[in-house]
C-alpha cells in the first residue's frame, strides 16, 4: 500500500519567497483507510496531494506503492493506481465531450490506448449501470455534453470517473468546497457509499472540521508543512470540534486561523 517516507518539498529555494511546503512527512496507509486531512491555508495539504498523484516530485524522501518507489514516476504513469477529484467541478472532466465519452476515457485509465477505446454496446450498458448508482438521472443523458451539467452533477460524475477502475488510492481535494450545502451533502453521501462499497483507500482534504471528524477512520491535521496529529478511529469516534481545536493549539502553539475553516 501507499507510504511516504521523510518526504520534503521546498518552494523557491534560496530566494526571499522560500517556503517549506512539506517537512519530513511520514505517512503510511493501510488497505481501506479513509483518512481525512485538515489544516489552515498553507499547511501543505494540496502539496501532499500533488506529491502522491505525481503532479510534482519531492525534493527529498520516498513515495512507495506496494514497497516500490514511485516518486519519480510522472502523473500519467501513476494514474493506474491513483484516482483524484478536485475542488473545482470543472476540473477532471472534458467539458466538450459527452458523459459516455468521459466515462470511456476513465475506463481506459492506466491501460494501453488503442482502437478499442471508443464506446460500444457493452460499455454503454456498464456506463448506465454505474451512473444509475448516483441516483441523479445521468444514466438517461449519456450523450449530454459534460460542460452543460450543473456543478453537483459534474462533481458526481468526476467522483464516479475517479473510482471507475477501483484505484489503489483515491484523493479527494476539497471536492465539496465549491458546492452549495445541498449538493455538497449529496456528494458527501455518494463518497461514503462508493468508498465503503469498493473498500477504497482514501485521502480526503477538507476545511470542514465536523466532516473531518465524522468521515473516515483516521484524521490527520497539518500545520506549516508537518503532520502534527494523526488520530486513529478509536479516539476519533468520541472527538469533538472544540477538542480538536484545543489539540491543535496545544501542539502548534497558535490558533487555527483560516477563513475557509468550517467548524460544523
Protein backbone atom coordinates (compact mmCIF):
# COMPACT_ATOMS: atom_id res chain seq x y z
CA UNK A 1 0.00 0.00 0.00
CA UNK A 2 0.99 3.68 -0.15
CA UNK A 3 3.70 5.02 2.14
CA UNK A 4 5.53 8.36 2.33
CA UNK A 5 8.93 8.29 4.00
CA UNK A 6 10.61 11.55 5.09
CA UNK A 7 9.06 13.49 2.20
CA UNK A 8 10.04 17.16 1.96
CA UNK A 9 9.23 19.89 -0.56
CA UNK A 10 10.63 23.42 -0.66
CA UNK A 11 9.31 26.15 -2.98
CA UNK A 12 11.51 28.98 -4.32
CA UNK A 13 14.68 27.80 -2.52
CA UNK A 14 17.35 30.41 -1.92
CA UNK A 15 15.01 33.35 -2.60
CA UNK A 16 13.11 35.78 -0.33
CA UNK A 17 9.97 33.80 -1.22
CA UNK A 18 11.37 30.49 0.03
CA UNK A 19 8.63 28.40 1.62
CA UNK A 20 8.64 25.00 3.27
CA UNK A 21 5.64 23.15 1.85
CA UNK A 22 6.34 19.73 3.38
CA UNK A 23 8.93 18.86 6.00
CA UNK A 24 9.94 15.22 6.55
CA UNK A 25 6.43 13.78 6.18
CA UNK A 26 5.96 10.15 7.23
CA UNK A 27 2.56 8.71 6.39
CA UNK A 28 1.52 5.10 5.86
CA UNK A 29 -1.86 3.94 4.61
CA UNK A 30 -3.33 0.57 5.47
CA UNK A 31 -5.66 -1.01 2.89
CA UNK A 32 -9.13 0.50 3.25
CA UNK A 33 -8.02 3.50 5.32
CA UNK A 34 -10.23 6.57 4.89
CA UNK A 35 -8.06 9.44 6.12
CA UNK A 36 -9.40 12.97 6.43
CA UNK A 37 -6.87 15.81 6.38
CA UNK A 38 -7.41 19.27 7.83
CA UNK A 39 -5.21 22.30 8.44
CA UNK A 40 -5.00 26.01 7.78
CA UNK A 41 -4.16 27.57 4.45
CA UNK A 42 -0.53 26.85 3.56
CA UNK A 43 -0.29 23.81 5.83
CA UNK A 44 0.83 21.64 2.90
CA UNK A 45 -2.38 19.70 2.20
CA UNK A 46 -2.53 20.31 -1.56
CA UNK A 47 1.23 19.78 -1.90
CA UNK A 48 0.78 16.40 -0.20
CA UNK A 49 -1.89 15.52 -2.77
CA UNK A 50 0.32 16.67 -5.64
CA UNK A 51 3.27 14.63 -4.41
CA UNK A 52 1.14 11.48 -4.17
CA UNK A 53 -0.50 11.96 -7.57
CA UNK A 54 2.75 12.82 -9.37
CA UNK A 55 1.94 16.43 -10.24
CA UNK A 56 5.23 17.28 -8.53
CA UNK A 57 8.18 15.31 -7.17
CA UNK A 58 9.54 15.62 -3.63
CA UNK A 59 12.91 17.26 -3.05
CA UNK A 60 13.73 14.55 -0.54
CA UNK A 61 12.15 11.33 0.62
CA UNK A 62 10.39 8.38 -0.93
CA UNK A 63 6.86 7.65 -2.15
CA UNK A 64 6.26 3.90 -2.09
CA UNK A 65 3.44 1.89 -3.65
CA UNK A 66 3.41 -1.74 -2.53
CA UNK A 67 7.03 -1.25 -1.45
CA UNK A 68 8.20 0.10 -4.82
CA UNK A 69 9.47 3.67 -5.21
CA UNK A 70 7.26 5.79 -7.48
CA UNK A 71 8.33 9.35 -6.57
CA UNK A 72 9.98 9.85 -9.97
CA UNK A 73 7.07 8.48 -12.00
CA UNK A 74 5.03 11.15 -13.86
CA UNK A 75 1.36 11.69 -13.16
CA UNK A 76 0.07 9.71 -16.16
CA UNK A 77 2.10 6.66 -15.10
CA UNK A 78 0.57 6.76 -11.62
CA UNK A 79 -3.00 7.02 -12.95
CA UNK A 80 -3.31 3.22 -12.86
CA UNK A 81 -3.10 3.43 -9.05
CA UNK A 82 -4.39 6.92 -8.23
CA UNK A 83 -7.82 8.48 -8.75
CA UNK A 84 -8.40 12.14 -7.90
CA UNK A 85 -11.35 14.50 -7.56
CA UNK A 86 -10.59 18.23 -7.43
CA UNK A 87 -12.31 21.12 -5.68
CA UNK A 88 -13.30 22.72 -8.99
CA UNK A 89 -16.20 20.82 -10.63
CA UNK A 90 -14.78 21.99 -13.98
CA UNK A 91 -11.57 20.02 -13.42
CA UNK A 92 -11.10 16.32 -14.03
CA UNK A 93 -13.52 16.07 -16.96
CA UNK A 94 -13.56 17.09 -20.63
CA UNK A 95 -16.42 19.63 -20.91
CA UNK A 96 -16.79 19.43 -24.70
CA UNK A 97 -17.15 15.67 -24.65
CA UNK A 98 -20.26 13.71 -23.71
CA UNK A 99 -20.82 11.86 -20.46
CA UNK A 100 -20.21 8.50 -22.11
CA UNK A 101 -17.03 9.73 -23.82
CA UNK A 102 -15.69 10.95 -20.48
CA UNK A 103 -16.52 7.59 -18.91
CA UNK A 104 -14.80 5.80 -21.79
CA UNK A 105 -11.61 7.74 -21.05
CA UNK A 106 -11.88 6.91 -17.35
CA UNK A 107 -12.44 3.25 -18.23
CA UNK A 108 -9.13 3.19 -20.12
CA UNK A 109 -7.13 4.89 -17.36
CA UNK A 110 -3.82 3.12 -16.89
CA UNK A 111 -4.39 0.88 -19.90
CA UNK A 112 -2.69 0.99 -23.29
CA UNK A 113 -4.63 3.19 -25.69
CA UNK A 114 -5.63 1.62 -28.97
CA UNK A 115 -8.53 1.42 -31.37
CA UNK A 116 -10.72 -0.14 -28.69
CA UNK A 117 -11.09 2.98 -26.51
CA UNK A 118 -14.43 4.03 -28.03
CA UNK A 119 -17.94 3.33 -26.72
CA UNK A 120 -19.59 0.07 -27.74
CA UNK A 121 -22.87 -1.50 -26.67
CA UNK A 122 -21.34 -3.45 -23.78
CA UNK A 123 -19.59 -0.38 -22.38
CA UNK A 124 -22.76 1.66 -22.74
CA UNK A 125 -24.64 -0.86 -20.59
CA UNK A 126 -21.86 -0.70 -17.99
CA UNK A 127 -21.85 3.11 -18.01
CA UNK A 128 -25.62 3.26 -17.48
CA UNK A 129 -25.38 0.82 -14.58
CA UNK A 130 -22.64 2.85 -12.91
CA UNK A 131 -24.38 6.18 -13.46
CA UNK A 132 -27.63 4.79 -12.06
CA UNK A 133 -25.86 4.27 -8.73
CA UNK A 134 -25.53 8.04 -8.41
CA UNK A 135 -29.30 8.42 -8.33
CA UNK A 136 -29.41 11.75 -10.19
CA UNK A 137 -30.58 10.63 -13.65
CA UNK A 138 -27.31 10.89 -15.57
CA UNK A 139 -27.83 7.37 -16.94
CA UNK A 140 -30.50 8.87 -19.21
CA UNK A 141 -28.19 11.61 -20.51
CA UNK A 142 -25.20 9.67 -21.87
CA UNK A 143 -24.88 11.96 -24.89
CA UNK A 144 -25.12 15.22 -22.94
CA UNK A 145 -22.04 17.44 -23.02
CA UNK A 146 -20.39 17.48 -19.61
CA UNK A 147 -19.90 21.26 -19.81
CA UNK A 148 -23.69 21.67 -19.64
CA UNK A 149 -24.06 19.79 -16.34
CA UNK A 150 -24.59 21.57 -13.03
CA UNK A 151 -21.71 21.76 -10.56
CA UNK A 152 -23.16 18.98 -8.41
CA UNK A 153 -23.83 16.72 -11.39
CA UNK A 154 -20.35 17.27 -12.72
CA UNK A 155 -18.73 16.56 -9.36
CA UNK A 156 -20.77 13.36 -9.03
CA UNK A 157 -19.53 12.33 -12.48
CA UNK A 158 -15.94 13.21 -11.51
CA UNK A 159 -16.25 11.04 -8.41
CA UNK A 160 -17.55 8.13 -10.48
CA UNK A 161 -14.79 8.57 -13.06
CA UNK A 162 -12.08 8.68 -10.39
CA UNK A 163 -13.31 5.43 -8.84
CA UNK A 164 -14.37 3.62 -12.02
CA UNK A 165 -11.31 1.37 -12.17
CA UNK A 166 -11.06 0.89 -8.37
CA UNK A 167 -7.80 2.80 -7.83
CA UNK A 168 -5.47 1.75 -5.03
CA UNK A 169 -5.59 5.27 -3.63
CA UNK A 170 -8.37 7.86 -4.01
CA UNK A 171 -7.52 11.54 -3.50
CA UNK A 172 -10.37 13.93 -2.68
CA UNK A 173 -9.08 17.50 -2.76
CA UNK A 174 -11.76 19.60 -1.02
CA UNK A 175 -14.19 18.08 -3.52
CA UNK A 176 -17.32 19.52 -1.86
CA UNK A 177 -16.00 23.01 -1.06
CA UNK A 178 -17.27 24.71 -4.24
CA UNK A 179 -20.81 23.34 -3.95
CA UNK A 180 -23.88 24.68 -2.19
CA UNK A 181 -24.85 22.85 1.04
CA UNK A 182 -27.45 20.55 -0.56
CA UNK A 183 -25.16 19.42 -3.39
CA UNK A 184 -22.20 19.17 -1.01
CA UNK A 185 -24.22 16.80 1.17
CA UNK A 186 -25.16 14.74 -1.92
CA UNK A 187 -21.52 14.37 -2.95
CA UNK A 188 -20.51 13.55 0.64
CA UNK A 189 -23.14 10.79 0.79
CA UNK A 190 -22.06 9.40 -2.58
CA UNK A 191 -18.44 9.49 -1.43
CA UNK A 192 -19.22 7.48 1.70
CA UNK A 193 -21.22 4.91 -0.29
CA UNK A 194 -18.65 4.43 -3.06
CA UNK A 195 -15.63 4.32 -0.74
CA UNK A 196 -17.38 1.82 1.54
CA UNK A 197 -18.68 -0.39 -1.28
CA UNK A 198 -15.36 -0.54 -3.16
CA UNK A 199 -13.25 -0.55 0.02
CA UNK A 200 -11.08 2.23 -1.41
CA UNK A 201 -8.06 3.57 0.44
CA UNK A 202 -8.89 7.28 0.54
CA UNK A 203 -7.24 10.58 1.46
CA UNK A 204 -9.69 13.48 1.72
CA UNK A 205 -8.68 17.10 2.32
CA UNK A 206 -11.44 19.21 3.85
CA UNK A 207 -11.88 22.58 5.56
CA UNK A 208 -14.96 21.31 7.40
CA UNK A 209 -13.86 20.15 10.85
CA UNK A 210 -17.14 18.38 11.63
CA UNK A 211 -16.85 16.50 8.33
CA UNK A 212 -13.22 15.62 9.06
CA UNK A 213 -14.28 14.06 12.37
CA UNK A 214 -17.42 12.34 11.07
CA UNK A 215 -15.99 10.71 7.93
CA UNK A 216 -13.35 8.03 7.71
CA UNK A 217 -11.34 6.05 10.24
CA UNK A 218 -8.33 8.37 10.68
CA UNK A 219 -7.85 12.11 10.96
CA UNK A 220 -4.60 13.88 10.11
CA UNK A 221 -4.00 17.53 10.98
CA UNK A 222 -1.23 19.50 9.29
CA UNK A 223 0.48 22.77 10.17
CA UNK A 224 3.37 24.51 8.40
CA UNK A 225 4.27 21.50 6.28
CA UNK A 226 4.20 18.97 9.12
CA UNK A 227 1.77 16.38 10.39
CA UNK A 228 1.05 17.38 13.97
CA UNK A 229 -1.82 14.98 14.70
CA UNK A 230 -2.69 11.51 13.40
CA UNK A 231 -5.82 10.39 15.23
CA UNK A 232 -6.94 6.72 14.97
CA UNK A 233 -10.51 5.54 14.69
CA UNK A 234 -10.99 4.65 18.37
CA UNK A 235 -10.17 8.18 19.52
CA UNK A 236 -11.84 9.83 16.55
CA UNK A 237 -15.26 8.40 17.43
CA UNK A 238 -15.51 10.47 20.62
CA UNK A 239 -13.69 13.57 19.36
CA UNK A 240 -15.46 16.96 19.25
CA UNK A 241 -14.61 20.04 17.20
CA UNK A 242 -13.68 22.00 20.33
CA UNK A 243 -11.36 19.20 21.47
CA UNK A 244 -9.71 19.10 18.04
CA UNK A 245 -9.19 22.87 18.09
CA UNK A 246 -7.72 22.58 21.58
CA UNK A 247 -5.30 19.85 20.47
CA UNK A 248 -4.18 21.96 17.53
CA UNK A 249 -3.49 24.99 19.71
CA UNK A 250 -1.69 22.91 22.33
CA UNK A 251 0.67 21.27 19.81
CA UNK A 252 1.19 24.13 17.33
CA UNK A 253 1.29 26.96 19.88
CA UNK A 254 -1.13 29.12 17.91
CA UNK A 255 -4.79 29.25 16.95
CA UNK A 256 -6.11 27.70 13.75
CA UNK A 257 -6.56 30.74 11.51
CA UNK A 258 -8.13 30.31 8.09
CA UNK A 259 -11.29 31.99 6.88
CA UNK A 260 -12.22 28.84 4.96
CA UNK A 261 -12.26 26.58 8.04
CA UNK A 262 -15.81 25.48 8.84
CA UNK A 263 -16.42 24.26 12.38
CA UNK A 264 -19.58 22.33 11.65
